[in-house]
Amino acid sequence: MPIIHCICCCPAPLCCSAPSVSADNATTSFTSIDVAVTPPALAPIGGWAQYKLEVCPTVPAGTCFSQDCRSLPQPSPTTTTCQVTGLVPGTGYSVAAAAVNGSLTTLASQTAAFETQIE
């Protein structure tokens, strides 16, 4: 079996994991949504300090933007709700998250798709 090496910006395997993210269309308004982020199983002492969310308009396509979200200070998997704001009504989006603590940053999560309500 081949050995898979992980190349990351911090000590492996800590940063070679990723949080998971989900977006529930039921929490979507015209210009915001609540996104659920669960941290990776491995965490630094004290847990992850925040999440960096990357939000990208997909329909119609547009410029991606970042938004920070404070996470819960626990190393165990505990879901944090992050509110994404500044969205355009009637637009499809994708969102991904990376966990951050100081200079440590995980890989980005898989993306979750959602659509804002139409006015």
PDB file of N, CA and C in Angstrom:
ATOM      1  N   MET A   1       0.844  -1.164   0.000  1.00  0.00           N
ATOM      2  CA  MET A   1       0.000   0.000   0.000  1.00  0.00           C
ATOM      3  C   MET A   1       0.896   1.235   0.000  1.00  0.00           C
ATOM      4  N   PRO A   2       0.637   2.210  -0.904  1.00  0.00           N
ATOM      5  CA  PRO A   2       1.480   3.409  -0.953  1.00  0.00           C
ATOM      6  C   PRO A   2       1.232   4.305   0.256  1.00  0.00           C
ATOM      7  N   ILE A   3       2.248   5.023   0.647  1.00  0.00           N
ATOM      8  CA  ILE A   3       2.130   5.983   1.743  1.00  0.00           C
ATOM      9  C   ILE A   3       1.701   7.315   1.142  1.00  0.00           C
ATOM     10  N   ILE A   4       0.672   7.905   1.694  1.00  0.00           N
ATOM     11  CA  ILE A   4       0.190   9.196   1.219  1.00  0.00           C
ATOM     12  C   ILE A   4       0.745  10.271   2.131  1.00  0.00           C
ATOM     13  N   HIS A   5       1.475  11.194   1.558  1.00  0.00           N
ATOM     14  CA  HIS A   5       2.041  12.293   2.333  1.00  0.00           C
ATOM     15  C   HIS A   5       1.140  13.512   2.205  1.00  0.00           C
ATOM     16  N   CYS A   6       0.953  14.165   3.305  1.00  0.00           N
ATOM     17  CA  CYS A   6       0.116  15.352   3.327  1.00  0.00           C
ATOM     18  C   CYS A   6       1.020  16.581   3.363  1.00  0.00           C
ATOM     19  N   ILE A   7       0.798  17.509   2.445  1.00  0.00           N
ATOM     20  CA  ILE A   7       1.587  18.742   2.410  1.00  0.00           C
ATOM     21  C   ILE A   7       0.692  19.863   2.907  1.00  0.00           C
ATOM     22  N   CYS A   8       1.051  20.443   4.025  1.00  0.00           N
ATOM     23  CA  CYS A   8       0.234  21.486   4.639  1.00  0.00           C
ATOM     24  C   CYS A   8       1.122  22.619   5.141  1.00  0.00           C
ATOM     25  N   CYS A   9       0.464  23.672   5.614  1.00  0.00           N
ATOM     26  CA  CYS A   9       1.198  24.841   6.100  1.00  0.00           C
ATOM     27  C   CYS A   9       1.562  24.725   7.568  1.00  0.00           C
ATOM     28  N   CYS A  10       1.259  23.612   8.207  1.00  0.00           N
ATOM     29  CA  CYS A  10       1.590  23.446   9.619  1.00  0.00           C
ATOM     30  C   CYS A  10       1.827  21.966   9.898  1.00  0.00           C
ATOM     31  N   PRO A  11       2.194  21.600  11.119  1.00  0.00           N
ATOM     32  CA  PRO A  11       2.539  20.210  11.399  1.00  0.00           C
ATOM     33  C   PRO A  11       1.434  19.219  11.040  1.00  0.00           C
ATOM     34  N   ALA A  12       1.756  18.270  10.192  1.00  0.00           N
ATOM     35  CA  ALA A  12       0.803  17.211   9.835  1.00  0.00           C
ATOM     36  C   ALA A  12       0.686  16.275  11.026  1.00  0.00           C
ATOM     37  N   PRO A  13      -0.382  15.593  11.284  1.00  0.00           N
ATOM     38  CA  PRO A  13      -1.613  15.605  10.503  1.00  0.00           C
ATOM     39  C   PRO A  13      -2.621  16.656  10.956  1.00  0.00           C
ATOM     40  N   LEU A  14      -2.266  17.492  11.922  1.00  0.00           N
ATOM     41  CA  LEU A  14      -3.198  18.465  12.483  1.00  0.00           C
ATOM     42  C   LEU A  14      -3.892  19.299  11.418  1.00  0.00           C
ATOM     43  N   CYS A  15      -3.138  19.830  10.472  1.00  0.00           N
ATOM     44  CA  CYS A  15      -3.727  20.717   9.471  1.00  0.00           C
ATOM     45  C   CYS A  15      -4.077  19.991   8.177  1.00  0.00           C
ATOM     46  N   CYS A  16      -3.870  18.698   8.161  1.00  0.00           N
ATOM     47  CA  CYS A  16      -4.187  17.933   6.956  1.00  0.00           C
ATOM     48  C   CYS A  16      -5.599  17.366   7.032  1.00  0.00           C
ATOM     49  N   SER A  17      -6.405  17.945   7.874  1.00  0.00           N
ATOM     50  CA  SER A  17      -7.806  17.569   7.964  1.00  0.00           C
ATOM     51  C   SER A  17      -8.617  18.821   7.652  1.00  0.00           C
ATOM     52  N   ALA A  18      -9.916  18.671   7.574  1.00  0.00           N
ATOM     53  CA  ALA A  18     -10.765  19.814   7.238  1.00  0.00           C
ATOM     54  C   ALA A  18     -12.048  19.757   8.047  1.00  0.00           C
ATOM     55  N   PRO A  19     -12.631  20.919   8.318  1.00  0.00           N
ATOM     56  CA  PRO A  19     -13.944  20.920   8.965  1.00  0.00           C
ATOM     57  C   PRO A  19     -15.002  20.446   7.958  1.00  0.00           C
ATOM     58  N   SER A  20     -16.214  20.241   8.428  1.00  0.00           N
ATOM     59  CA  SER A  20     -17.318  19.973   7.506  1.00  0.00           C
ATOM     60  C   SER A  20     -18.284  21.143   7.608  1.00  0.00           C
ATOM     61  N   VAL A  21     -18.969  21.416   6.507  1.00  0.00           N
ATOM     62  CA  VAL A  21     -19.874  22.563   6.454  1.00  0.00           C
ATOM     63  C   VAL A  21     -21.183  22.129   5.810  1.00  0.00           C
ATOM     64  N   SER A  22     -22.289  22.668   6.339  1.00  0.00           N
ATOM     65  CA  SER A  22     -23.593  22.417   5.717  1.00  0.00           C
ATOM     66  C   SER A  22     -24.402  23.707   5.744  1.00  0.00           C
ATOM     67  N   ALA A  23     -25.185  23.888   4.689  1.00  0.00           N
ATOM     68  CA  ALA A  23     -26.020  25.079   4.561  1.00  0.00           C
ATOM     69  C   ALA A  23     -27.463  24.611   4.394  1.00  0.00           C
ATOM     70  N   ASP A  24     -28.323  25.025   5.305  1.00  0.00           N
ATOM     71  CA  ASP A  24     -29.727  24.625   5.280  1.00  0.00           C
ATOM     72  C   ASP A  24     -30.547  25.751   4.661  1.00  0.00           C
ATOM     73  N   ASN A  25     -31.143  25.487   3.495  1.00  0.00           N
ATOM     74  CA  ASN A  25     -31.931  26.520   2.821  1.00  0.00           C
ATOM     75  C   ASN A  25     -33.080  27.038   3.688  1.00  0.00           C
ATOM     76  N   ALA A  26     -33.490  26.274   4.700  1.00  0.00           N
ATOM     77  CA  ALA A  26     -34.564  26.730   5.584  1.00  0.00           C
ATOM     78  C   ALA A  26     -34.134  27.936   6.414  1.00  0.00           C
ATOM     79  N   THR A  27     -32.816  28.132   6.588  1.00  0.00           N
ATOM     80  CA  THR A  27     -32.332  29.275   7.370  1.00  0.00           C
ATOM     81  C   THR A  27     -31.931  30.450   6.474  1.00  0.00           C
ATOM     82  N   THR A  28     -32.227  30.350   5.181  1.00  0.00           N
ATOM     83  CA  THR A  28     -31.845  31.401   4.236  1.00  0.00           C
ATOM     84  C   THR A  28     -32.871  32.519   4.226  1.00  0.00           C
ATOM     85  N   SER A  29     -32.380  33.764   4.199  1.00  0.00           N
ATOM     86  CA  SER A  29     -33.256  34.924   4.013  1.00  0.00           C
ATOM     87  C   SER A  29     -32.907  35.526   2.650  1.00  0.00           C
ATOM     88  N   PHE A  30     -33.291  36.759   2.431  1.00  0.00           N
ATOM     89  CA  PHE A  30     -32.942  37.429   1.179  1.00  0.00           C
ATOM     90  C   PHE A  30     -31.445  37.695   1.093  1.00  0.00           C
ATOM     91  N   THR A  31     -30.813  37.994   2.244  1.00  0.00           N
ATOM     92  CA  THR A  31     -29.412  38.434   2.210  1.00  0.00           C
ATOM     93  C   THR A  31     -28.496  37.713   3.194  1.00  0.00           C
ATOM     94  N   SER A  32     -28.973  36.624   3.844  1.00  0.00           N
ATOM     95  CA  SER A  32     -28.123  35.911   4.794  1.00  0.00           C
ATOM     96  C   SER A  32     -28.535  34.444   4.902  1.00  0.00           C
ATOM     97  N   ILE A  33     -27.649  33.652   5.525  1.00  0.00           N
ATOM     98  CA  ILE A  33     -27.932  32.248   5.818  1.00  0.00           C
ATOM     99  C   ILE A  33     -27.115  31.832   7.032  1.00  0.00           C
ATOM    100  N   ASP A  34     -27.642  30.888   7.801  1.00  0.00           N
ATOM    101  CA  ASP A  34     -26.891  30.278   8.897  1.00  0.00           C
ATOM    102  C   ASP A  34     -26.242  29.006   8.367  1.00  0.00           C
ATOM    103  N   VAL A  35     -24.923  28.922   8.485  1.00  0.00           N
ATOM    104  CA  VAL A  35     -24.145  27.782   8.009  1.00  0.00           C
ATOM    105  C   VAL A  35     -23.622  27.026   9.224  1.00  0.00           C
ATOM    106  N   ALA A  36     -23.754  25.705   9.234  1.00  0.00           N
ATOM    107  CA  ALA A  36     -23.261  24.874  10.337  1.00  0.00           C
ATOM    108  C   ALA A  36     -21.865  24.362   9.988  1.00  0.00           C
ATOM    109  N   VAL A  37     -20.896  24.612  10.888  1.00  0.00           N
ATOM    110  CA  VAL A  37     -19.520  24.163  10.677  1.00  0.00           C
ATOM    111  C   VAL A  37     -19.119  23.252  11.833  1.00  0.00           C
ATOM    112  N   THR A  38     -18.629  22.058  11.498  1.00  0.00           N
ATOM    113  CA  THR A  38     -18.138  21.114  12.495  1.00  0.00           C
ATOM    114  C   THR A  38     -16.633  21.004  12.335  1.00  0.00           C
ATOM    115  N   PRO A  39     -15.865  21.153  13.422  1.00  0.00           N
ATOM    116  CA  PRO A  39     -14.402  21.140  13.303  1.00  0.00           C
ATOM    117  C   PRO A  39     -13.870  19.757  12.935  1.00  0.00           C
ATOM    118  N   PRO A  40     -12.639  19.713  12.430  1.00  0.00           N
ATOM    119  CA  PRO A  40     -12.016  18.411  12.189  1.00  0.00           C
ATOM    120  C   PRO A  40     -11.811  17.679  13.518  1.00  0.00           C
ATOM    121  N   ALA A  41     -11.605  16.371  13.447  1.00  0.00           N
ATOM    122  CA  ALA A  41     -11.427  15.563  14.666  1.00  0.00           C
ATOM    123  C   ALA A  41     -10.177  15.970  15.436  1.00  0.00           C
ATOM    124  N   LEU A  42      -9.114  16.354  14.728  1.00  0.00           N
ATOM    125  CA  LEU A  42      -7.878  16.786  15.386  1.00  0.00           C
ATOM    126  C   LEU A  42      -7.894  18.293  15.554  1.00  0.00           C
ATOM    127  N   ALA A  43      -7.411  18.745  16.711  1.00  0.00           N
ATOM    128  CA  ALA A  43      -7.400  20.183  16.974  1.00  0.00           C
ATOM    129  C   ALA A  43      -6.208  20.529  17.860  1.00  0.00           C
ATOM    130  N   PRO A  44      -5.733  21.774  17.772  1.00  0.00           N
ATOM    131  CA  PRO A  44      -4.667  22.209  18.683  1.00  0.00           C
ATOM    132  C   PRO A  44      -5.220  22.339  20.100  1.00  0.00           C
ATOM    133  N   ILE A  45      -4.345  22.476  21.076  1.00  0.00           N
ATOM    134  CA  ILE A  45      -4.781  22.678  22.459  1.00  0.00           C
ATOM    135  C   ILE A  45      -5.686  23.903  22.507  1.00  0.00           C
ATOM    136  N   GLY A  46      -6.839  23.762  23.097  1.00  0.00           N
ATOM    137  CA  GLY A  46      -7.793  24.867  23.160  1.00  0.00           C
ATOM    138  C   GLY A  46      -8.755  24.915  21.991  1.00  0.00           C
ATOM    139  N   GLY A  47      -8.564  24.051  21.013  1.00  0.00           N
ATOM    140  CA  GLY A  47      -9.470  24.007  19.865  1.00  0.00           C
ATOM    141  C   GLY A  47      -9.138  25.040  18.803  1.00  0.00           C
ATOM    142  N   TRP A  48     -10.018  25.148  17.843  1.00  0.00           N
ATOM    143  CA  TRP A  48      -9.854  26.106  16.746  1.00  0.00           C
ATOM    144  C   TRP A  48     -10.483  27.428  17.148  1.00  0.00           C
ATOM    145  N   ALA A  49      -9.799  28.538  16.910  1.00  0.00           N
ATOM    146  CA  ALA A  49     -10.266  29.860  17.345  1.00  0.00           C
ATOM    147  C   ALA A  49     -11.369  30.415  16.460  1.00  0.00           C
ATOM    148  N   GLN A  50     -11.297  30.136  15.160  1.00  0.00           N
ATOM    149  CA  GLN A  50     -12.293  30.682  14.241  1.00  0.00           C
ATOM    150  C   GLN A  50     -12.320  29.866  12.958  1.00  0.00           C
ATOM    151  N   TYR A  51     -13.320  30.168  12.152  1.00  0.00           N
ATOM    152  CA  TYR A  51     -13.416  29.590  10.818  1.00  0.00           C
ATOM    153  C   TYR A  51     -13.310  30.714   9.805  1.00  0.00           C
ATOM    154  N   LYS A  52     -12.638  30.427   8.706  1.00  0.00           N
ATOM    155  CA  LYS A  52     -12.605  31.325   7.559  1.00  0.00           C
ATOM    156  C   LYS A  52     -13.555  30.721   6.540  1.00  0.00           C
ATOM    157  N   LEU A  53     -14.624  31.431   6.232  1.00  0.00           N
ATOM    158  CA  LEU A  53     -15.587  30.964   5.253  1.00  0.00           C
ATOM    159  C   LEU A  53     -15.282  31.614   3.911  1.00  0.00           C
ATOM    160  N   GLU A  54     -15.301  30.832   2.845  1.00  0.00           N
ATOM    161  CA  GLU A  54     -15.193  31.393   1.500  1.00  0.00           C
ATOM    162  C   GLU A  54     -16.534  31.180   0.830  1.00  0.00           C
ATOM    163  N   VAL A  55     -17.171  32.270   0.454  1.00  0.00           N
ATOM    164  CA  VAL A  55     -18.504  32.255  -0.123  1.00  0.00           C
ATOM    165  C   VAL A  55     -18.399  32.699  -1.577  1.00  0.00           C
ATOM    166  N   CYS A  56     -18.951  31.883  -2.485  1.00  0.00           N
ATOM    167  CA  CYS A  56     -18.845  32.176  -3.914  1.00  0.00           C
ATOM    168  C   CYS A  56     -20.219  32.157  -4.573  1.00  0.00           C
ATOM    169  N   PRO A  57     -20.594  33.260  -5.242  1.00  0.00           N
ATOM    170  CA  PRO A  57     -21.833  33.238  -6.020  1.00  0.00           C
ATOM    171  C   PRO A  57     -21.649  32.274  -7.199  1.00  0.00           C
ATOM    172  N   THR A  58     -22.644  31.413  -7.413  1.00  0.00           N
ATOM    173  CA  THR A  58     -22.545  30.433  -8.494  1.00  0.00           C
ATOM    174  C   THR A  58     -23.567  30.666  -9.601  1.00  0.00           C
ATOM    175  N   VAL A  59     -24.776  31.156  -9.242  1.00  0.00           N
ATOM    176  CA  VAL A  59     -25.824  31.413 -10.232  1.00  0.00           C
ATOM    177  C   VAL A  59     -26.492  32.731  -9.892  1.00  0.00           C
ATOM    178  N   PRO A  60     -26.181  33.832 -10.579  1.00  0.00           N
ATOM    179  CA  PRO A  60     -25.121  33.940 -11.578  1.00  0.00           C
ATOM    180  C   PRO A  60     -23.737  33.948 -10.909  1.00  0.00           C
ATOM    181  N   ALA A  61     -22.734  33.575 -11.677  1.00  0.00           N
ATOM    182  CA  ALA A  61     -21.359  33.535 -11.164  1.00  0.00           C
ATOM    183  C   ALA A  61     -20.900  34.933 -10.786  1.00  0.00           C
ATOM    184  N   GLY A  62     -20.037  35.006  -9.781  1.00  0.00           N
ATOM    185  CA  GLY A  62     -19.539  36.294  -9.316  1.00  0.00           C
ATOM    186  C   GLY A  62     -18.243  36.131  -8.572  1.00  0.00           C
ATOM    187  N   THR A  63     -17.824  37.171  -7.885  1.00  0.00           N
ATOM    188  CA  THR A  63     -16.564  37.188  -7.152  1.00  0.00           C
ATOM    189  C   THR A  63     -16.756  36.608  -5.749  1.00  0.00           C
ATOM    190  N   CYS A  64     -15.872  35.707  -5.369  1.00  0.00           N
ATOM    191  CA  CYS A  64     -15.912  35.103  -4.034  1.00  0.00           C
ATOM    192  C   CYS A  64     -15.493  36.126  -2.982  1.00  0.00           C
ATOM    193  N   PHE A  65     -15.956  35.923  -1.758  1.00  0.00           N
ATOM    194  CA  PHE A  65     -15.525  36.767  -0.646  1.00  0.00           C
ATOM    195  C   PHE A  65     -15.346  35.898   0.589  1.00  0.00           C
ATOM    196  N   SER A  66     -14.576  36.413   1.559  1.00  0.00           N
ATOM    197  CA  SER A  66     -14.306  35.694   2.805  1.00  0.00           C
ATOM    198  C   SER A  66     -15.059  36.338   3.955  1.00  0.00           C
ATOM    199  N   GLN A  67     -15.396  35.511   4.924  1.00  0.00           N
ATOM    200  CA  GLN A  67     -16.041  36.002   6.135  1.00  0.00           C
ATOM    201  C   GLN A  67     -15.531  35.163   7.302  1.00  0.00           C
ATOM    202  N   ASP A  68     -15.197  35.805   8.418  1.00  0.00           N
ATOM    203  CA  ASP A  68     -14.719  35.109   9.606  1.00  0.00           C
ATOM    204  C   ASP A  68     -15.892  34.740  10.509  1.00  0.00           C
ATOM    205  N   CYS A  69     -15.714  33.653  11.242  1.00  0.00           N
ATOM    206  CA  CYS A  69     -16.723  33.210  12.194  1.00  0.00           C
ATOM    207  C   CYS A  69     -16.003  32.624  13.388  1.00  0.00           C
ATOM    208  N   ARG A  70     -16.312  33.084  14.582  1.00  0.00           N
ATOM    209  CA  ARG A  70     -15.705  32.543  15.804  1.00  0.00           C
ATOM    210  C   ARG A  70     -16.237  31.150  16.062  1.00  0.00           C
ATOM    211  N   SER A  71     -15.340  30.239  16.395  1.00  0.00           N
ATOM    212  CA  SER A  71     -15.762  28.880  16.710  1.00  0.00           C
ATOM    213  C   SER A  71     -15.838  28.700  18.214  1.00  0.00           C
ATOM    214  N   LEU A  72     -16.437  27.598  18.618  1.00  0.00           N
ATOM    215  CA  LEU A  72     -16.504  27.285  20.040  1.00  0.00           C
ATOM    216  C   LEU A  72     -15.133  26.801  20.496  1.00  0.00           C
ATOM    217  N   PRO A  73     -14.648  27.202  21.666  1.00  0.00           N
ATOM    218  CA  PRO A  73     -13.284  26.867  22.100  1.00  0.00           C
ATOM    219  C   PRO A  73     -13.148  25.458  22.661  1.00  0.00           C
ATOM    220  N   GLN A  74     -13.661  24.473  21.956  1.00  0.00           N
ATOM    221  CA  GLN A  74     -13.570  23.099  22.424  1.00  0.00           C
ATOM    222  C   GLN A  74     -12.894  22.252  21.349  1.00  0.00           C
ATOM    223  N   PRO A  75     -11.991  21.370  21.733  1.00  0.00           N
ATOM    224  CA  PRO A  75     -11.325  20.531  20.743  1.00  0.00           C
ATOM    225  C   PRO A  75     -12.206  19.411  20.209  1.00  0.00           C
ATOM    226  N   SER A  76     -13.289  19.080  20.916  1.00  0.00           N
ATOM    227  CA  SER A  76     -14.150  18.008  20.433  1.00  0.00           C
ATOM    228  C   SER A  76     -15.085  18.519  19.343  1.00  0.00           C
ATOM    229  N   PRO A  77     -15.552  17.639  18.460  1.00  0.00           N
ATOM    230  CA  PRO A  77     -16.457  18.087  17.390  1.00  0.00           C
ATOM    231  C   PRO A  77     -17.748  18.673  17.942  1.00  0.00           C
ATOM    232  N   THR A  78     -17.858  19.964  17.892  1.00  0.00           N
ATOM    233  CA  THR A  78     -19.045  20.694  18.298  1.00  0.00           C
ATOM    234  C   THR A  78     -19.400  21.634  17.163  1.00  0.00           C
ATOM    235  N   THR A  79     -20.624  21.576  16.713  1.00  0.00           N
ATOM    236  CA  THR A  79     -21.038  22.398  15.579  1.00  0.00           C
ATOM    237  C   THR A  79     -21.181  23.859  15.992  1.00  0.00           C
ATOM    238  N   THR A  80     -20.665  24.737  15.155  1.00  0.00           N
ATOM    239  CA  THR A  80     -20.789  26.182  15.337  1.00  0.00           C
ATOM    240  C   THR A  80     -21.669  26.726  14.226  1.00  0.00           C
ATOM    241  N   THR A  81     -22.602  27.592  14.569  1.00  0.00           N
ATOM    242  CA  THR A  81     -23.436  28.233  13.556  1.00  0.00           C
ATOM    243  C   THR A  81     -22.802  29.565  13.176  1.00  0.00           C
ATOM    244  N   CYS A  82     -22.542  29.728  11.895  1.00  0.00           N
ATOM    245  CA  CYS A  82     -21.942  30.954  11.367  1.00  0.00           C
ATOM    246  C   CYS A  82     -22.965  31.631  10.456  1.00  0.00           C
ATOM    247  N   GLN A  83     -23.238  32.901  10.704  1.00  0.00           N
ATOM    248  CA  GLN A  83     -24.164  33.620   9.843  1.00  0.00           C
ATOM    249  C   GLN A  83     -23.375  34.299   8.730  1.00  0.00           C
ATOM    250  N   VAL A  84     -23.733  33.969   7.488  1.00  0.00           N
ATOM    251  CA  VAL A  84     -23.134  34.598   6.311  1.00  0.00           C
ATOM    252  C   VAL A  84     -24.066  35.719   5.890  1.00  0.00           C
ATOM    253  N   THR A  85     -23.530  36.932   5.788  1.00  0.00           N
ATOM    254  CA  THR A  85     -24.347  38.099   5.451  1.00  0.00           C
ATOM    255  C   THR A  85     -23.838  38.757   4.177  1.00  0.00           C
ATOM    256  N   GLY A  86     -24.575  39.756   3.704  1.00  0.00           N
ATOM    257  CA  GLY A  86     -24.166  40.507   2.519  1.00  0.00           C
ATOM    258  C   GLY A  86     -24.455  39.782   1.220  1.00  0.00           C
ATOM    259  N   LEU A  87     -25.423  38.868   1.236  1.00  0.00           N
ATOM    260  CA  LEU A  87     -25.754  38.097   0.041  1.00  0.00           C
ATOM    261  C   LEU A  87     -26.779  38.826  -0.813  1.00  0.00           C
ATOM    262  N   VAL A  88     -26.878  38.427  -2.066  1.00  0.00           N
ATOM    263  CA  VAL A  88     -27.801  39.038  -3.022  1.00  0.00           C
ATOM    264  C   VAL A  88     -29.042  38.147  -3.152  1.00  0.00           C
ATOM    265  N   PRO A  89     -30.246  38.732  -3.066  1.00  0.00           N
ATOM    266  CA  PRO A  89     -31.466  37.928  -3.178  1.00  0.00           C
ATOM    267  C   PRO A  89     -31.526  37.156  -4.509  1.00  0.00           C
ATOM    268  N   GLY A  90     -32.071  35.936  -4.455  1.00  0.00           N
ATOM    269  CA  GLY A  90     -32.266  35.123  -5.648  1.00  0.00           C
ATOM    270  C   GLY A  90     -30.985  34.632  -6.294  1.00  0.00           C
ATOM    271  N   THR A  91     -29.931  34.447  -5.503  1.00  0.00           N
ATOM    272  CA  THR A  91     -28.629  34.036  -6.033  1.00  0.00           C
ATOM    273  C   THR A  91     -28.214  32.706  -5.434  1.00  0.00           C
ATOM    274  N   GLY A  92     -27.605  31.845  -6.243  1.00  0.00           N
ATOM    275  CA  GLY A  92     -27.052  30.589  -5.757  1.00  0.00           C
ATOM    276  C   GLY A  92     -25.629  30.808  -5.279  1.00  0.00           C
ATOM    277  N   TYR A  93     -25.242  30.126  -4.210  1.00  0.00           N
ATOM    278  CA  TYR A  93     -23.908  30.273  -3.628  1.00  0.00           C
ATOM    279  C   TYR A  93     -23.333  28.920  -3.262  1.00  0.00           C
ATOM    280  N   SER A  94     -22.013  28.883  -3.107  1.00  0.00           N
ATOM    281  CA  SER A  94     -21.339  27.760  -2.461  1.00  0.00           C
ATOM    282  C   SER A  94     -20.519  28.336  -1.318  1.00  0.00           C
ATOM    283  N   VAL A  95     -20.335  27.536  -0.263  1.00  0.00           N
ATOM    284  CA  VAL A  95     -19.554  27.984   0.889  1.00  0.00           C
ATOM    285  C   VAL A  95     -18.635  26.849   1.327  1.00  0.00           C
ATOM    286  N   ALA A  96     -17.417  27.201   1.693  1.00  0.00           N
ATOM    287  CA  ALA A  96     -16.437  26.257   2.244  1.00  0.00           C
ATOM    288  C   ALA A  96     -15.839  26.902   3.489  1.00  0.00           C
ATOM    289  N   ALA A  97     -15.275  26.074   4.382  1.00  0.00           N
ATOM    290  CA  ALA A  97     -14.714  26.585   5.632  1.00  0.00           C
ATOM    291  C   ALA A  97     -13.351  25.962   5.900  1.00  0.00           C
ATOM    292  N   ALA A  98     -12.463  26.753   6.509  1.00  0.00           N
ATOM    293  CA  ALA A  98     -11.189  26.266   7.036  1.00  0.00           C
ATOM    294  C   ALA A  98     -11.129  26.688   8.497  1.00  0.00           C
ATOM    295  N   ALA A  99     -10.587  25.819   9.351  1.00  0.00           N
ATOM    296  CA  ALA A  99     -10.439  26.129  10.771  1.00  0.00           C
ATOM    297  C   ALA A  99      -9.084  26.808  10.980  1.00  0.00           C
ATOM    298  N   VAL A 100      -9.066  27.825  11.874  1.00  0.00           N
ATOM    299  CA  VAL A 100      -7.865  28.629  12.100  1.00  0.00           C
ATOM    300  C   VAL A 100      -7.610  28.778  13.599  1.00  0.00           C
ATOM    301  N   ASN A 101      -6.333  28.706  13.988  1.00  0.00           N
ATOM    302  CA  ASN A 101      -5.905  29.040  15.342  1.00  0.00           C
ATOM    303  C   ASN A 101      -4.489  29.582  15.213  1.00  0.00           C
ATOM    304  N   GLY A 102      -4.339  30.899  15.334  1.00  0.00           N
ATOM    305  CA  GLY A 102      -3.024  31.532  15.166  1.00  0.00           C
ATOM    306  C   GLY A 102      -2.504  31.295  13.763  1.00  0.00           C
ATOM    307  N   SER A 103      -1.315  30.693  13.658  1.00  0.00           N
ATOM    308  CA  SER A 103      -0.718  30.442  12.340  1.00  0.00           C
ATOM    309  C   SER A 103      -1.142  29.095  11.756  1.00  0.00           C
ATOM    310  N   LEU A 104      -1.958  28.331  12.487  1.00  0.00           N
ATOM    311  CA  LEU A 104      -2.418  27.028  12.015  1.00  0.00           C
ATOM    312  C   LEU A 104      -3.717  27.180  11.227  1.00  0.00           C
ATOM    313  N   THR A 105      -3.766  26.603  10.041  1.00  0.00           N
ATOM    314  CA  THR A 105      -4.964  26.619   9.204  1.00  0.00           C
ATOM    315  C   THR A 105      -5.151  25.244   8.583  1.00  0.00           C
ATOM    316  N   THR A 106      -6.362  24.712   8.666  1.00  0.00           N
ATOM    317  CA  THR A 106      -6.643  23.406   8.074  1.00  0.00           C
ATOM    318  C   THR A 106      -6.867  23.537   6.570  1.00  0.00           C
ATOM    319  N   LEU A 107      -7.021  22.400   5.945  1.00  0.00           N
ATOM    320  CA  LEU A 107      -7.469  22.375   4.563  1.00  0.00           C
ATOM    321  C   LEU A 107      -8.904  22.883   4.531  1.00  0.00           C
ATOM    322  N   ALA A 108      -9.368  23.319   3.370  1.00  0.00           N
ATOM    323  CA  ALA A 108     -10.751  23.779   3.228  1.00  0.00           C
ATOM    324  C   ALA A 108     -11.696  22.579   3.181  1.00  0.00           C
ATOM    325  N   SER A 109     -12.884  22.785   3.692  1.00  0.00           N
ATOM    326  CA  SER A 109     -13.912  21.751   3.666  1.00  0.00           C
ATOM    327  C   SER A 109     -14.431  21.547   2.245  1.00  0.00           C
ATOM    328  N   GLN A 110     -15.239  20.526   2.075  1.00  0.00           N
ATOM    329  CA  GLN A 110     -16.023  20.390   0.851  1.00  0.00           C
ATOM    330  C   GLN A 110     -17.008  21.548   0.833  1.00  0.00           C
ATOM    331  N   THR A 111     -17.490  21.925  -0.340  1.00  0.00           N
ATOM    332  CA  THR A 111     -18.432  23.042  -0.408  1.00  0.00           C
ATOM    333  C   THR A 111     -19.865  22.572  -0.151  1.00  0.00           C
ATOM    334  N   ALA A 112     -20.681  23.493   0.311  1.00  0.00           N
ATOM    335  CA  ALA A 112     -22.114  23.285   0.466  1.00  0.00           C
ATOM    336  C   ALA A 112     -22.807  24.345  -0.372  1.00  0.00           C
ATOM    337  N   ALA A 113     -23.871  23.972  -1.036  1.00  0.00           N
ATOM    338  CA  ALA A 113     -24.585  24.906  -1.920  1.00  0.00           C
ATOM    339  C   ALA A 113     -25.882  25.376  -1.254  1.00  0.00           C
ATOM    340  N   PHE A 114     -26.273  26.611  -1.576  1.00  0.00           N
ATOM    341  CA  PHE A 114     -27.542  27.148  -1.104  1.00  0.00           C
ATOM    342  C   PHE A 114     -27.980  28.269  -2.029  1.00  0.00           C
ATOM    343  N   GLU A 115     -29.222  28.705  -1.873  1.00  0.00           N
ATOM    344  CA  GLU A 115     -29.755  29.794  -2.675  1.00  0.00           C
ATOM    345  C   GLU A 115     -30.535  30.740  -1.783  1.00  0.00           C
ATOM    346  N   THR A 116     -30.318  32.048  -1.957  1.00  0.00           N
ATOM    347  CA  THR A 116     -31.054  33.036  -1.171  1.00  0.00           C
ATOM    348  C   THR A 116     -32.478  33.167  -1.709  1.00  0.00           C
ATOM    349  N   GLN A 117     -33.349  33.656  -0.853  1.00  0.00           N
ATOM    350  CA  GLN A 117     -34.746  33.853  -1.247  1.00  0.00           C
ATOM    351  C   GLN A 117     -34.868  34.977  -2.270  1.00  0.00           C
ATOM    352  N   ILE A 118     -35.912  34.901  -3.055  1.00  0.00           N
ATOM    353  CA  ILE A 118     -36.202  35.943  -4.052  1.00  0.00           C
ATOM    354  C   ILE A 118     -37.158  36.945  -3.427  1.00  0.00           C
ATOM    355  N   GLU A 119     -36.841  38.241  -3.595  1.00  0.00           N
ATOM    356  CA  GLU A 119     -37.706  39.283  -3.020  1.00  0.00           C
ATOM    357  C   GLU A 119     -39.014  39.368  -3.763  1.00  0.00           C
TER     358      GLU A 119
END
